[in-house]
Every structure is written in C-alpha cells, then in structure tokens.
Amino acid sequence: MKNYIAFLLFIVFISCTTETKKSEIAEVNQTTLAKHIERLASDEFLGRKPFTEGEVKTVNYLENEFKKLELSPGNGSSFFQEVPMVEITGTPTEKMIISGKDDSFNLDLLKDFVATTNKQVSEVSLDNSELVFAGYGVVAPEYEWNDYEGVDWKGKTAVVLINDPGFNSGDSTLFKGNEMTYYGRWTYKFEEAARQGADGLIIIHDTEPASYGWNVIESGWTGSRLVITSDLPLLNVESWISGESAKKIFNASSIKVQDYKALARNKNFKPIPLELNTSVAIKNNIKKDVSKNVIAVVPGTDRKDEYIIYSAHWDHFGIGKAINGDSIYNGAIDNASGTAGLLAIAEAFKKSNNTKRSVVFMALTGEEQGLLGSAYYAENPLFNPKKTVANINIDALASPGEMKDLTITGYGQSEMDEYAKEAALKQNRYIIPDPDPEKGYFFRSDHFNFAKIGIPALYASGSYEGFEHSIDEIKELKNNYLINKYHQPSDEYNSETTELSGVRLDLQLLFNVGLKLANEDYFPKWNEGSEFKAARE
C-alpha cells in the first residue's frame, strides 16, 4: 500500500513538474526580445526602408529567424508575399507662390510647406490654381456634412484643416466629439479631394489636432514616397503648410478672420473662395519595384483552416535628413519593438503545446507610407478573412517598466476587449480606452486594414500608469518621445538604458490572448454600432 501511495505521489509530482515546465515554456522571453530589437534597430539595417538595402537585410533576417524557429512558410513554399509598389522621388520647387490682387508672397520649402504627389508621371504642378477654403475637407452623409458642396473643383486647390469638426468643439454630439473619426485622418482628406476632382489639397498643420509637430511633417513628407498602384483618382499635388503660413494666407484672403476653425465647425459651412492662387511644381523620379510582407505560420491541429494573425510592421524611414549629425532613422520603438515582439511571441507559441487553430506571424511593409503592406494584404489575403478569427497588432511598444493599465485603442469596437480584459486581470492590471481618442490612433496602424475587411482587431499596450511610475511620469515620457524621438533619428536602442520589462509584460498578455483564441472554437464579434460589423457579416 505504501508503495502504491508513493507511486501516486510520484505521478502527481511528475504531473505538476510537467505543468510547471509547460507554463515556463509559454513565457515570452525578454532576452529574445532585446536581442531582436538591438539588431533590427542597429545602423546595419539602415533604417529599414522599403526598396533599399535596408529592406533586403530586414526581410532576410526575418525569414532566417522564422526558419530557425521551424515555422512554416505563410505563402505556399515562401515566407514572402510580394507587394508591388512604386517609389516616387519628388523634387518640389523651393517656393510655393501665393498670389492675389493686392498681395503676393512665397512660402519656403520645408520651413513653410511640403509637397508630394502619388501620380506616376515625370512632373506635376499647380499653375495659378485657385485656392478655396473647404473647412475640414469632409463629406459625411451620416452627419449631413459636405465641405465641398456647390463648387466645381476642377482646376482648384482646397485648403483644409486637420482632424474633424468635433475636435475641441465642446460638443460630444458633433461627429464623435474629441474622438477622431476617419474623416479626420490626412489619408482621407487627400482621397476625398481627389474624388471631388480638385487639382490639389493643402492641409493646415496644427500640432494638437494632428498629434505631432511640424518636424514630423518635415521629415516624413520629403524624399521618396511609396505608393501602391490604384485606379482611384489622384491629386496633382498633396501638400501641408505650417500654421503660421496659413495665417499669412488667410490674412491676405477674402476671409480675413482669425478663427477660421470656428467658421469651419459650423454645420452650414460652405466652401469659401480665398481670391488667391497658388503655383508649385514637382519633378519626379519613378521607380517600380516589389517590397515584401514576411509571413510565417504555426499550423493548427484540429482547426488549421482558422487563423489568428499577429501583425507588426518592419519598416521605418531609412536614411534621411540629418539631425544632430545622424541621418539613419533606426526606428527602435517604431517598430523594431513590435517586429521583435512578433518573433518573441512566435518563439513562445512554437515552444508551447500545439494549438487547435493556426497562428500566423505577419511582418508588414510600408506602414509608414500609409499602411501599404496591410492594405495590399487586405486586397490579396493569403488566409480566408471569414476564417480569420482575429488580428492582434503590435506597434511602437515602449514603457519605463511594468504597467498597471492596458490601454485599448478602439475600445468598444469588438469582443476582443473582453479577451484583453480577462488577460489583464490575470496580470493584476486594468483596461482603459485610449485617453487620447482625438489623435486617431485606431486609423494609424495596420490593424485598421484588417478591421476594414471585417476581422476583429486588438491594438493595445500599457501606456498610462506604471506599477512604479505615476500617471504624470508616464505622460511626460510619452510627450518626450513624441517631441524628440517619434520619426526621428534619435529613436535608437540602448542596451544599458532601455527598459523592456513592461514591453515583455504587454507581449505576454498578447500571447495569452492569442493562445486562448487558438484553442477555442468561438469567433469574436464586432459590437453593435461598429462600422466594421457589416463587413464581417
């Protein structure tokens, strides 16, 4: 009998030890995370810009790392999905000419304006194009709003505000109040102006509603740009001007009012000719090439034709304008952190038990140029969207330590919130909606393109309150990043000063969410009122 009891105790001990090992195996490894961030954000990768040697190094590195983990190729026998793109290197004139009956002046390139084009032709221009103030540049039937109404836009250039009418209006019923809608995004504004038949669009920069300073415009809207070939209408010139330049234009215009934002926020607003013209030209060097999404899979056991997709963009801005003697835009936080996180989570899945559903790891190209890699995937999916359970997106993870909160961007959109809440509670954390909904982060990373084809998406990280750092301290650190590092060469990795424990905790949570999804039969749903619900159904 004693021997039998001893045998049972031995079995229990072995079982507990095995379970402990399983738990340990399913941990996201911080050393793995640090190793990949340091490598991907090193000068060796030249800022990871598509169509450069930096891309070749990056995608080959990712392919090799997926192979080391013994993951399966995501595109038949290949780890690559080719994404045809066109690189347009535009050289604008040094001056944008503003001319009127009584006043004419020039705006200086970079200091006052930037100008680009997505047209694949050798030269584009605005030649004495009539300037018309079009408010926020919004056409939104559901809000009974049309900033373009009553004007034949052929040959004209619209001047519009960034964000949407609800921002800082004090009216929560105007659009979505301070929460940015897609109508507030610069991508939408250029698309809508082209649909209206305008020759050009000028967006007035304003740091608060844009959520970034003029330095981001200056660095992100110069040099070469990548586009996907499309049959949609295009503007001759897409431009931004500084707030100071806008004041000069309005002071010289027919409006002559200081508070043109209040004017544009009026529901009865109609376009206003400024009685000014503009001229600017861009000469283009055009290069057609193919970039790559890098995709790997851990195949499922029982329901292998159902998929959970983890995504992170691998690209950044490459080599650009030198700032303080540094011209390599390494993108350590944005988004070597997310790409390294993808590899660390893949390692955890590979070392854990087999999952019922397949788990996909997708390193996407061209995010910084307008979510191009995910947009191409959404139009050319390798895995049936109706069988894709969810997307978990990882972008720009940074924290000074482990965080109490899990901030969900797009909170309230889908049942993915409940999965995140359950995982957060197990880490003694709480969830909150994005405290800065006016910045439109839901439309600014790759999960948005998965959502557009009906796939419920989770985009979340700790970014509000730390276990050892106060809300004010976290806010100060975030502001410092946005002002001094975001899309700048200074976004670099330092192994001695970069704290990754909070990043690892976030990745562990995202792994736990995916692991639950991968071992159940349920498909999370969009909530009532979500604009993406219809696409799923």
Protein backbone atom coordinates (compact mmCIF):
# COMPACT_ATOMS: atom_id res chain seq x y z
CA MET A 1 0.00 0.00 0.00
CA LYS A 2 2.85 2.36 0.91
CA ASN A 3 4.46 1.65 -2.42
CA TYR A 4 1.17 2.40 -4.19
CA ILE A 5 0.79 5.73 -2.36
CA ALA A 6 4.41 6.59 -3.11
CA PHE A 7 3.77 5.78 -6.76
CA LEU A 8 0.71 8.08 -6.83
CA LEU A 9 2.68 10.90 -5.20
CA PHE A 10 5.42 10.41 -7.77
CA ILE A 11 2.87 10.65 -10.60
CA VAL A 12 1.40 13.85 -9.09
CA PHE A 13 4.91 15.30 -8.72
CA ILE A 14 5.80 14.49 -12.32
CA SER A 15 2.47 15.94 -13.49
CA CYS A 16 2.99 19.17 -11.53
CA THR A 17 6.56 19.45 -12.74
CA THR A 18 5.40 18.93 -16.32
CA GLU A 19 2.70 21.58 -15.93
CA THR A 20 5.26 23.99 -14.48
CA LYS A 21 7.57 23.39 -17.42
CA LYS A 22 4.70 23.95 -19.84
CA SER A 23 3.95 27.24 -18.12
CA GLU A 24 7.61 28.25 -18.29
CA ILE A 25 7.87 27.29 -21.96
CA ALA A 26 4.88 29.53 -22.79
CA GLU A 27 6.64 32.64 -21.46
CA VAL A 28 7.68 35.43 -23.81
CA ASN A 29 11.44 35.67 -23.43
CA GLN A 30 12.83 39.13 -22.66
CA THR A 31 16.33 38.19 -23.80
CA THR A 32 14.93 37.18 -27.18
CA LEU A 33 13.06 40.48 -27.35
CA ALA A 34 16.14 42.57 -26.51
CA LYS A 35 18.34 40.69 -28.99
CA HIS A 36 15.99 41.30 -31.91
CA ILE A 37 15.30 44.97 -31.09
CA GLU A 38 19.01 45.71 -30.80
CA ARG A 39 19.74 44.03 -34.12
CA LEU A 40 16.83 45.43 -36.12
CA ALA A 41 17.39 48.97 -34.81
CA SER A 42 21.14 48.90 -35.48
CA ASP A 43 22.74 51.01 -38.21
CA GLU A 44 23.39 47.74 -40.07
CA PHE A 45 19.73 47.75 -41.18
CA LEU A 46 19.94 51.33 -42.50
CA GLY A 47 16.58 52.40 -41.08
CA ARG A 48 14.65 49.52 -42.71
CA LYS A 49 13.14 51.47 -45.58
CA PRO A 50 11.41 49.51 -48.37
CA PHE A 51 13.23 49.42 -51.73
CA THR A 52 16.64 49.82 -50.11
CA GLU A 53 19.45 47.58 -48.96
CA GLY A 54 17.88 48.00 -45.54
CA GLU A 55 14.79 46.12 -46.74
CA VAL A 56 16.86 43.27 -48.15
CA LYS A 57 18.70 42.88 -44.84
CA THR A 58 15.47 43.11 -42.82
CA VAL A 59 13.32 40.62 -44.73
CA ASN A 60 16.18 38.13 -45.00
CA TYR A 61 16.78 38.44 -41.26
CA LEU A 62 13.10 37.80 -40.53
CA GLU A 63 12.94 34.84 -42.90
CA ASN A 64 16.01 33.30 -41.27
CA GLU A 65 14.62 33.82 -37.77
CA PHE A 66 11.29 32.22 -38.71
CA LYS A 67 13.22 29.29 -40.19
CA LYS A 68 15.28 28.93 -37.00
CA LEU A 69 12.00 28.63 -35.09
CA GLU A 70 10.91 25.95 -37.60
CA LEU A 71 7.77 27.87 -38.53
CA SER A 72 6.03 27.07 -41.81
CA PRO A 73 6.11 29.49 -44.78
CA GLY A 74 2.97 31.63 -44.93
CA ASN A 75 2.66 31.82 -48.71
CA GLY A 76 2.87 28.30 -50.08
CA SER A 77 6.57 27.43 -50.06
CA SER A 78 7.62 31.05 -49.48
CA PHE A 79 7.85 33.25 -46.41
CA PHE A 80 7.27 36.30 -48.62
CA GLN A 81 4.20 37.97 -50.05
CA GLU A 82 5.35 40.31 -52.78
CA VAL A 83 3.84 43.80 -52.59
CA PRO A 84 4.19 45.72 -55.89
CA MET A 85 4.93 49.36 -55.17
CA VAL A 86 6.06 52.46 -56.95
CA GLU A 87 8.73 54.67 -55.44
CA ILE A 88 8.22 58.31 -56.36
CA THR A 89 11.10 60.63 -55.50
CA GLY A 90 9.70 64.11 -55.91
CA THR A 91 11.69 67.33 -56.02
CA PRO A 92 9.37 70.29 -55.39
CA THR A 93 10.21 73.84 -56.33
CA GLU A 94 11.88 75.75 -53.50
CA LYS A 95 8.98 78.18 -53.32
CA MET A 96 5.21 77.85 -53.25
CA ILE A 97 3.86 81.06 -54.77
CA ILE A 98 0.73 82.61 -53.26
CA SER A 99 -0.66 85.41 -55.42
CA GLY A 100 -3.67 87.73 -55.15
CA LYS A 101 -4.94 91.06 -56.42
CA ASP A 102 -3.41 93.03 -53.57
CA ASP A 103 -0.76 90.77 -52.12
CA SER A 104 1.70 88.10 -53.27
CA PHE A 105 4.28 86.19 -51.29
CA ASN A 106 6.25 82.95 -51.30
CA LEU A 107 6.32 80.03 -48.89
CA ASP A 108 9.66 78.27 -48.38
CA LEU A 109 10.06 74.53 -48.88
CA LEU A 110 10.34 72.59 -45.59
CA LYS A 111 10.15 75.71 -43.42
CA ASP A 112 6.63 76.63 -44.60
CA PHE A 113 5.36 73.82 -46.81
CA VAL A 114 5.93 70.32 -48.12
CA ALA A 115 4.55 68.99 -51.39
CA THR A 116 4.29 65.48 -52.81
CA THR A 117 2.33 63.52 -55.38
CA ASN A 118 1.18 59.95 -55.91
CA LYS A 119 0.86 60.43 -59.67
CA GLN A 120 3.29 58.29 -61.61
CA VAL A 121 4.35 60.95 -64.12
CA SER A 122 7.59 62.86 -64.59
CA GLU A 123 6.21 66.23 -63.49
CA VAL A 124 3.10 67.63 -61.84
CA SER A 125 2.16 71.18 -60.96
CA LEU A 126 -0.40 73.64 -59.70
CA ASP A 127 -0.34 76.59 -62.08
CA ASN A 128 -2.18 79.60 -60.66
CA SER A 129 -4.64 77.17 -59.10
CA GLU A 130 -7.48 78.92 -57.30
CA LEU A 131 -7.41 78.43 -53.51
CA VAL A 132 -10.72 77.59 -51.85
CA PHE A 133 -11.15 77.06 -48.12
CA ALA A 134 -13.02 73.76 -47.68
CA GLY A 135 -13.27 73.64 -43.90
CA TYR A 136 -12.28 70.20 -42.68
CA GLY A 137 -12.48 68.65 -46.16
CA VAL A 138 -15.22 66.25 -45.07
CA VAL A 139 -18.11 64.67 -46.94
CA ALA A 140 -20.08 62.65 -44.36
CA PRO A 141 -23.72 61.95 -45.30
CA GLU A 142 -24.44 60.30 -41.95
CA TYR A 143 -23.63 63.61 -40.27
CA GLU A 144 -25.34 65.64 -43.03
CA TRP A 145 -22.00 67.27 -43.71
CA ASN A 146 -20.42 68.33 -47.03
CA ASP A 147 -17.47 70.73 -47.06
CA TYR A 148 -17.16 70.53 -50.85
CA GLU A 149 -20.76 71.24 -51.82
CA GLY A 150 -21.59 73.76 -54.54
CA VAL A 151 -18.14 74.13 -56.11
CA ASP A 152 -16.77 72.81 -59.39
CA TRP A 153 -13.36 71.75 -58.13
CA LYS A 154 -11.66 71.22 -61.47
CA GLY A 155 -8.51 73.36 -61.58
CA LYS A 156 -8.85 74.36 -57.93
CA THR A 157 -6.89 73.61 -54.76
CA ALA A 158 -8.71 73.00 -51.49
CA VAL A 159 -7.29 74.32 -48.23
CA VAL A 160 -8.46 72.27 -45.23
CA LEU A 161 -7.93 71.78 -41.51
CA ILE A 162 -6.52 68.62 -39.96
CA ASN A 163 -8.76 66.40 -37.76
CA ASP A 164 -12.58 66.71 -37.92
CA PRO A 165 -15.21 69.22 -36.75
CA GLY A 166 -15.76 67.52 -33.40
CA PHE A 167 -12.23 68.15 -32.15
CA ASN A 168 -12.11 70.72 -29.32
CA SER A 169 -15.67 71.76 -30.19
CA GLY A 170 -17.02 71.16 -26.70
CA ASP A 171 -19.90 69.28 -28.35
CA SER A 172 -19.80 65.49 -27.88
CA THR A 173 -22.60 65.09 -30.45
CA LEU A 174 -20.62 66.80 -33.23
CA PHE A 175 -19.16 63.82 -35.12
CA LYS A 176 -17.70 61.87 -32.15
CA GLY A 177 -16.64 64.89 -30.14
CA ASN A 178 -12.93 64.76 -29.35
CA GLU A 179 -12.59 61.20 -30.66
CA MET A 180 -11.18 61.38 -34.16
CA THR A 181 -13.22 59.73 -36.91
CA TYR A 182 -11.66 58.54 -40.14
CA TYR A 183 -12.75 61.88 -41.62
CA GLY A 184 -10.04 63.48 -39.51
CA ARG A 185 -7.15 61.49 -40.98
CA TRP A 186 -4.89 63.09 -43.58
CA THR A 187 -5.21 60.00 -45.78
CA TYR A 188 -8.97 60.50 -46.01
CA LYS A 189 -8.59 64.20 -46.82
CA PHE A 190 -6.35 63.58 -49.83
CA GLU A 191 -8.65 60.77 -51.02
CA GLU A 192 -11.78 62.92 -50.76
CA ALA A 193 -10.26 65.95 -52.50
CA ALA A 194 -9.27 63.69 -55.40
CA ARG A 195 -12.78 62.22 -55.55
CA GLN A 196 -14.14 65.77 -55.75
CA GLY A 197 -11.95 66.45 -58.80
CA ALA A 198 -9.62 69.03 -57.23
CA ASP A 199 -6.13 69.58 -58.63
CA GLY A 200 -4.54 69.87 -55.23
CA LEU A 201 -5.10 69.84 -51.48
CA ILE A 202 -3.29 71.80 -48.79
CA ILE A 203 -3.68 70.61 -45.19
CA ILE A 204 -3.05 73.20 -42.49
CA HIS A 205 -0.78 71.71 -39.84
CA ASP A 206 -1.66 72.22 -36.20
CA THR A 207 0.26 70.26 -33.57
CA GLU A 208 -2.58 69.48 -31.16
CA PRO A 209 -5.20 68.13 -33.58
CA ALA A 210 -2.53 66.43 -35.71
CA SER A 211 -0.89 64.97 -32.56
CA TYR A 212 2.62 65.65 -33.88
CA GLY A 213 4.78 68.66 -34.59
CA TRP A 214 5.92 70.21 -37.86
CA ASN A 215 9.22 68.32 -37.53
CA VAL A 216 7.32 65.09 -38.24
CA ILE A 217 5.83 66.61 -41.41
CA GLU A 218 9.24 67.89 -42.46
CA SER A 219 10.95 64.51 -42.10
CA GLY A 220 8.06 62.27 -43.21
CA TRP A 221 6.97 64.21 -46.30
CA THR A 222 10.29 64.71 -48.05
CA GLY A 223 12.38 62.47 -50.27
CA SER A 224 10.98 59.33 -51.83
CA ARG A 225 7.46 58.05 -51.21
CA LEU A 226 5.99 54.62 -51.81
CA VAL A 227 2.54 54.01 -53.27
CA ILE A 228 0.51 51.05 -54.45
CA THR A 229 -0.80 51.28 -57.99
CA SER A 230 -4.50 52.08 -57.89
CA ASP A 231 -7.34 53.02 -60.24
CA LEU A 232 -8.63 55.60 -57.76
CA PRO A 233 -8.44 59.32 -58.68
CA LEU A 234 -5.30 61.16 -57.58
CA LEU A 235 -4.41 64.78 -56.90
CA ASN A 236 -1.67 66.56 -58.80
CA VAL A 237 -0.22 67.88 -55.54
CA GLU A 238 -0.68 66.81 -51.92
CA SER A 239 0.65 69.46 -49.57
CA TRP A 240 0.91 70.57 -45.96
CA ILE A 241 1.56 74.12 -44.78
CA SER A 242 2.54 75.34 -41.33
CA GLY A 243 0.07 77.12 -39.09
CA GLU A 244 2.00 80.39 -39.50
CA SER A 245 1.79 80.09 -43.29
CA ALA A 246 -1.96 79.50 -43.01
CA LYS A 247 -2.33 82.74 -41.06
CA LYS A 248 -0.48 84.62 -43.80
CA ILE A 249 -2.78 83.11 -46.43
CA PHE A 250 -5.97 83.93 -44.53
CA ASN A 251 -4.78 87.46 -43.76
CA ALA A 252 -4.25 88.01 -47.49
CA SER A 253 -7.51 86.31 -48.44
CA SER A 254 -11.12 87.38 -48.80
CA ILE A 255 -11.99 85.87 -45.39
CA LYS A 256 -9.73 87.95 -43.15
CA VAL A 257 -10.85 86.20 -39.97
CA GLN A 258 -8.64 84.82 -37.24
CA ASP A 259 -10.88 81.97 -36.08
CA TYR A 260 -11.30 80.04 -39.31
CA LYS A 261 -11.64 76.84 -37.24
CA ALA A 262 -14.90 78.08 -35.71
CA LEU A 263 -16.06 79.04 -39.20
CA ALA A 264 -15.39 75.51 -40.47
CA ARG A 265 -17.13 73.90 -37.49
CA ASN A 266 -20.49 75.39 -38.42
CA LYS A 267 -22.83 72.76 -39.84
CA ASN A 268 -23.96 75.23 -42.52
CA PHE A 269 -20.40 75.85 -43.68
CA LYS A 270 -19.92 76.12 -47.44
CA PRO A 271 -16.61 76.38 -49.35
CA ILE A 272 -15.16 79.91 -49.48
CA PRO A 273 -13.02 81.15 -52.41
CA LEU A 274 -9.97 82.88 -50.94
CA GLU A 275 -9.39 85.09 -54.01
CA LEU A 276 -5.82 83.79 -54.05
CA ASN A 277 -3.96 81.45 -56.41
CA THR A 278 -1.06 79.11 -55.84
CA SER A 279 1.72 77.74 -58.02
CA VAL A 280 4.14 74.94 -57.25
CA ALA A 281 5.70 72.13 -59.30
CA ILE A 282 7.22 68.73 -58.53
CA LYS A 283 9.66 66.79 -60.74
CA ASN A 284 9.53 63.05 -60.15
CA ASN A 285 11.93 60.17 -60.46
CA ILE A 286 9.85 56.99 -60.70
CA LYS A 287 11.00 53.51 -59.79
CA LYS A 288 8.78 50.44 -59.86
CA ASP A 289 9.76 47.60 -57.59
CA VAL A 290 8.43 44.95 -55.25
CA SER A 291 8.56 45.08 -51.47
CA LYS A 292 7.75 42.15 -49.20
CA ASN A 293 5.48 41.16 -46.36
CA VAL A 294 7.17 38.37 -44.36
CA ILE A 295 4.72 35.72 -43.20
CA ALA A 296 5.12 32.54 -41.15
CA VAL A 297 2.66 30.07 -39.61
CA VAL A 298 2.38 27.69 -36.70
CA PRO A 299 -0.17 25.25 -38.20
CA GLY A 300 -3.13 24.25 -36.07
CA THR A 301 -4.03 20.68 -35.20
CA ASP A 302 -7.84 20.41 -35.26
CA ARG A 303 -8.96 23.63 -36.98
CA LYS A 304 -5.94 24.50 -39.08
CA ASP A 305 -8.03 26.44 -41.64
CA GLU A 306 -8.92 29.01 -38.93
CA TYR A 307 -6.34 31.67 -38.18
CA ILE A 308 -5.20 34.16 -35.59
CA ILE A 309 -2.95 36.79 -37.19
CA TYR A 310 -0.27 38.64 -35.23
CA SER A 311 0.99 41.66 -37.17
CA ALA A 312 3.77 44.22 -36.83
CA HIS A 313 5.31 46.48 -39.45
CA TRP A 314 9.04 46.04 -40.05
CA ASP A 315 9.66 49.27 -41.97
CA HIS A 316 10.84 52.72 -40.94
CA PHE A 317 12.22 55.78 -42.79
CA GLY A 318 15.67 54.62 -43.82
CA ILE A 319 18.30 57.30 -44.36
CA GLY A 320 17.00 60.86 -44.47
CA LYS A 321 17.64 64.41 -43.39
CA ALA A 322 20.47 64.54 -40.84
CA ILE A 323 19.50 65.78 -37.37
CA ASN A 324 22.34 66.47 -34.96
CA GLY A 325 24.68 64.69 -37.35
CA ASP A 326 22.63 61.48 -37.55
CA SER A 327 20.80 60.56 -40.76
CA ILE A 328 19.75 56.94 -40.02
CA TYR A 329 16.16 56.68 -38.83
CA ASN A 330 16.62 53.48 -36.82
CA GLY A 331 13.05 53.18 -35.50
CA ALA A 332 13.86 51.23 -32.34
CA ILE A 333 10.48 51.84 -30.73
CA ASP A 334 8.70 52.33 -34.05
CA ASN A 335 8.73 49.48 -34.87
CA ALA A 336 11.73 47.29 -34.13
CA SER A 337 9.94 46.74 -30.80
CA GLY A 338 6.86 45.29 -32.48
CA THR A 339 8.79 43.23 -35.01
CA ALA A 340 10.98 41.80 -32.26
CA GLY A 341 7.82 41.17 -30.25
CA LEU A 342 6.41 39.21 -33.17
CA LEU A 343 9.48 36.95 -33.13
CA ALA A 344 9.36 36.57 -29.33
CA ILE A 345 5.68 35.59 -29.39
CA ALA A 346 6.33 33.18 -32.27
CA GLU A 347 9.05 31.56 -30.16
CA ALA A 348 6.62 31.18 -27.26
CA PHE A 349 3.96 29.59 -29.48
CA LYS A 350 6.47 27.22 -31.01
CA LYS A 351 7.66 26.08 -27.59
CA SER A 352 4.17 25.74 -26.12
CA ASN A 353 1.70 22.92 -26.78
CA ASN A 354 0.15 22.53 -30.21
CA THR A 355 -2.80 24.83 -30.86
CA LYS A 356 -6.11 23.85 -32.43
CA ARG A 357 -6.11 26.84 -34.76
CA SER A 358 -3.26 28.09 -36.92
CA VAL A 359 -1.31 31.11 -35.71
CA VAL A 360 0.11 33.50 -38.31
CA PHE A 361 3.00 35.92 -37.82
CA MET A 362 2.98 38.75 -40.32
CA ALA A 363 5.76 41.35 -40.59
CA LEU A 364 4.32 44.01 -42.87
CA THR A 365 5.94 46.50 -45.21
CA GLY A 366 5.12 50.13 -45.96
CA GLU A 367 3.21 51.05 -42.81
CA GLU A 368 5.00 54.38 -42.53
CA GLN A 369 4.00 55.24 -46.10
CA GLY A 370 0.29 54.74 -45.44
CA LEU A 371 -0.29 51.15 -44.18
CA LEU A 372 0.64 49.84 -47.63
CA GLY A 373 1.64 46.27 -46.75
CA SER A 374 -1.53 45.60 -44.77
CA ALA A 375 -3.64 47.37 -47.40
CA TYR A 376 -2.20 45.08 -50.07
CA TYR A 377 -2.78 42.03 -47.87
CA ALA A 378 -6.38 43.10 -47.24
CA GLU A 379 -6.96 43.19 -51.00
CA ASN A 380 -4.98 39.98 -51.59
CA PRO A 381 -5.41 37.87 -48.42
CA LEU A 382 -3.49 34.62 -48.15
CA PHE A 383 -5.89 33.34 -45.48
CA ASN A 384 -9.67 33.48 -45.83
CA PRO A 385 -10.87 36.59 -43.95
CA LYS A 386 -14.08 34.79 -42.97
CA LYS A 387 -11.93 32.09 -41.36
CA THR A 388 -9.58 34.61 -39.75
CA VAL A 389 -10.60 34.73 -36.11
CA ALA A 390 -8.81 37.94 -35.08
CA ASN A 391 -5.86 40.23 -35.65
CA ILE A 392 -3.52 41.22 -32.81
CA ASN A 393 -1.37 44.16 -33.89
CA ILE A 394 1.91 45.21 -32.26
CA ASP A 395 3.28 48.70 -32.90
CA ALA A 396 5.68 51.00 -31.04
CA LEU A 397 5.91 49.37 -27.61
CA ALA A 398 7.71 51.47 -25.01
CA SER A 399 7.39 51.79 -21.24
CA PRO A 400 9.72 52.55 -18.33
CA GLY A 401 8.63 49.36 -16.57
CA GLU A 402 5.64 47.12 -15.99
CA MET A 403 2.35 48.95 -16.39
CA LYS A 404 -0.86 48.76 -14.35
CA ASP A 405 -3.02 49.63 -17.33
CA LEU A 406 -3.70 48.07 -20.68
CA THR A 407 -4.82 50.87 -22.97
CA ILE A 408 -7.02 49.63 -25.83
CA THR A 409 -7.11 51.75 -28.95
CA GLY A 410 -10.55 51.40 -30.49
CA TYR A 411 -12.10 50.24 -27.21
CA GLY A 412 -15.75 49.31 -27.63
CA GLN A 413 -15.43 48.11 -31.20
CA SER A 414 -15.45 44.35 -30.63
CA GLU A 415 -15.48 41.45 -28.17
CA MET A 416 -11.69 41.44 -28.33
CA ASP A 417 -11.93 43.91 -25.44
CA GLU A 418 -13.25 41.09 -23.23
CA TYR A 419 -10.34 38.80 -24.12
CA ALA A 420 -7.92 41.61 -23.29
CA LYS A 421 -9.70 42.34 -20.00
CA GLU A 422 -9.52 38.71 -18.90
CA ALA A 423 -5.80 38.54 -19.71
CA ALA A 424 -5.13 41.88 -17.98
CA LEU A 425 -6.89 40.85 -14.76
CA LYS A 426 -4.65 37.76 -14.55
CA GLN A 427 -1.69 40.16 -14.55
CA ASN A 428 -3.35 42.34 -11.85
CA ARG A 429 -3.89 45.08 -14.42
CA TYR A 430 -6.90 47.10 -15.55
CA ILE A 431 -8.01 48.14 -19.03
CA ILE A 432 -8.87 51.64 -20.20
CA PRO A 433 -9.93 53.16 -23.51
CA ASP A 434 -7.36 55.26 -25.35
CA PRO A 435 -7.22 58.51 -23.32
CA ASP A 436 -6.29 60.43 -26.50
CA PRO A 437 -9.02 59.36 -28.96
CA GLU A 438 -8.68 62.69 -30.75
CA LYS A 439 -5.32 61.54 -32.14
CA GLY A 440 -6.95 58.85 -34.27
CA TYR A 441 -4.52 56.06 -33.42
CA PHE A 442 -7.10 53.47 -34.48
CA PHE A 443 -6.57 54.58 -38.09
CA ARG A 444 -2.79 54.86 -37.86
CA SER A 445 -1.57 51.28 -37.71
CA ASP A 446 -2.02 48.07 -39.64
CA HIS A 447 -4.90 46.62 -37.62
CA PHE A 448 -7.12 49.18 -39.36
CA ASN A 449 -6.85 47.37 -42.70
CA PHE A 450 -7.75 44.05 -41.08
CA ALA A 451 -10.75 45.72 -39.47
CA LYS A 452 -11.84 47.13 -42.83
CA ILE A 453 -12.30 43.58 -44.17
CA GLY A 454 -14.24 42.53 -41.08
CA ILE A 455 -11.53 40.92 -38.92
CA PRO A 456 -11.86 41.93 -35.22
CA ALA A 457 -8.61 43.56 -34.18
CA LEU A 458 -6.86 44.20 -30.88
CA TYR A 459 -4.37 47.05 -30.62
CA ALA A 460 -3.32 47.54 -27.01
CA SER A 461 -0.39 48.25 -24.72
CA GLY A 462 0.37 49.65 -21.29
CA SER A 463 0.79 53.38 -21.68
CA TYR A 464 -0.99 55.22 -18.87
CA GLU A 465 0.07 54.21 -15.34
CA GLY A 466 3.02 52.16 -14.15
CA PHE A 467 3.40 49.96 -11.08
CA GLU A 468 6.45 52.05 -10.19
CA HIS A 469 5.82 55.19 -12.26
CA SER A 470 2.98 57.67 -11.83
CA ILE A 471 0.49 58.78 -14.45
CA ASP A 472 2.27 62.14 -14.70
CA GLU A 473 5.68 60.49 -15.13
CA ILE A 474 4.35 58.25 -17.92
CA LYS A 475 2.73 61.23 -19.62
CA GLU A 476 5.99 63.16 -19.51
CA LEU A 477 7.90 60.23 -21.01
CA LYS A 478 5.32 59.84 -23.80
CA ASN A 479 5.45 63.55 -24.62
CA ASN A 480 9.25 63.42 -24.70
CA TYR A 481 9.09 60.54 -27.17
CA LEU A 482 6.60 62.32 -29.42
CA ILE A 483 8.56 65.57 -29.40
CA ASN A 484 12.13 64.26 -29.56
CA LYS A 485 12.13 60.72 -30.96
CA TYR A 486 8.99 59.92 -32.98
CA HIS A 487 10.05 59.52 -36.62
CA GLN A 488 13.45 60.99 -35.79
CA PRO A 489 17.00 59.51 -35.95
CA SER A 490 17.05 59.66 -32.14
CA ASP A 491 14.64 56.68 -31.89
CA GLU A 492 17.52 54.33 -31.12
CA TYR A 493 18.11 51.33 -28.87
CA ASN A 494 20.49 51.49 -25.91
CA SER A 495 21.01 48.19 -24.13
CA GLU A 496 22.09 49.97 -20.94
CA THR A 497 19.17 52.38 -20.63
CA THR A 498 16.23 50.77 -22.47
CA GLU A 499 13.80 49.12 -20.03
CA LEU A 500 11.95 46.15 -21.53
CA SER A 501 10.13 44.55 -18.60
CA GLY A 502 6.92 46.44 -19.40
CA VAL A 503 7.19 45.61 -23.09
CA ARG A 504 7.66 41.94 -22.23
CA LEU A 505 4.59 42.04 -19.96
CA ASP A 506 2.49 43.51 -22.78
CA LEU A 507 3.72 40.85 -25.19
CA GLN A 508 2.95 38.14 -22.64
CA LEU A 509 -0.61 39.45 -22.42
CA LEU A 510 -0.98 39.50 -26.21
CA PHE A 511 0.43 35.96 -26.35
CA ASN A 512 -2.08 34.82 -23.71
CA VAL A 513 -4.98 36.35 -25.67
CA GLY A 514 -3.85 34.61 -28.86
CA LEU A 515 -3.30 31.32 -27.07
CA LYS A 516 -6.89 31.35 -25.75
CA LEU A 517 -8.26 32.17 -29.20
CA ALA A 518 -6.12 29.47 -30.78
CA ASN A 519 -7.53 26.76 -28.53
CA GLU A 520 -11.25 27.51 -28.65
CA ASP A 521 -13.98 27.36 -31.28
CA TYR A 522 -15.53 30.80 -30.82
CA PHE A 523 -15.23 33.72 -33.27
CA PRO A 524 -15.18 37.12 -31.52
CA LYS A 525 -17.82 39.50 -32.86
CA TRP A 526 -17.96 43.21 -33.61
CA ASN A 527 -20.16 45.14 -31.22
CA GLU A 528 -23.40 46.82 -32.28
CA GLY A 529 -22.68 50.22 -33.75
CA SER A 530 -19.23 49.33 -35.06
CA GLU A 531 -18.68 50.48 -38.63
CA PHE A 532 -16.84 47.17 -39.30
CA LYS A 533 -19.67 44.83 -38.25
CA ALA A 534 -21.28 44.75 -41.70
CA ALA A 535 -18.05 43.67 -43.39
CA ARG A 536 -17.80 40.66 -41.07
CA GLU A 537 -21.42 39.65 -41.58
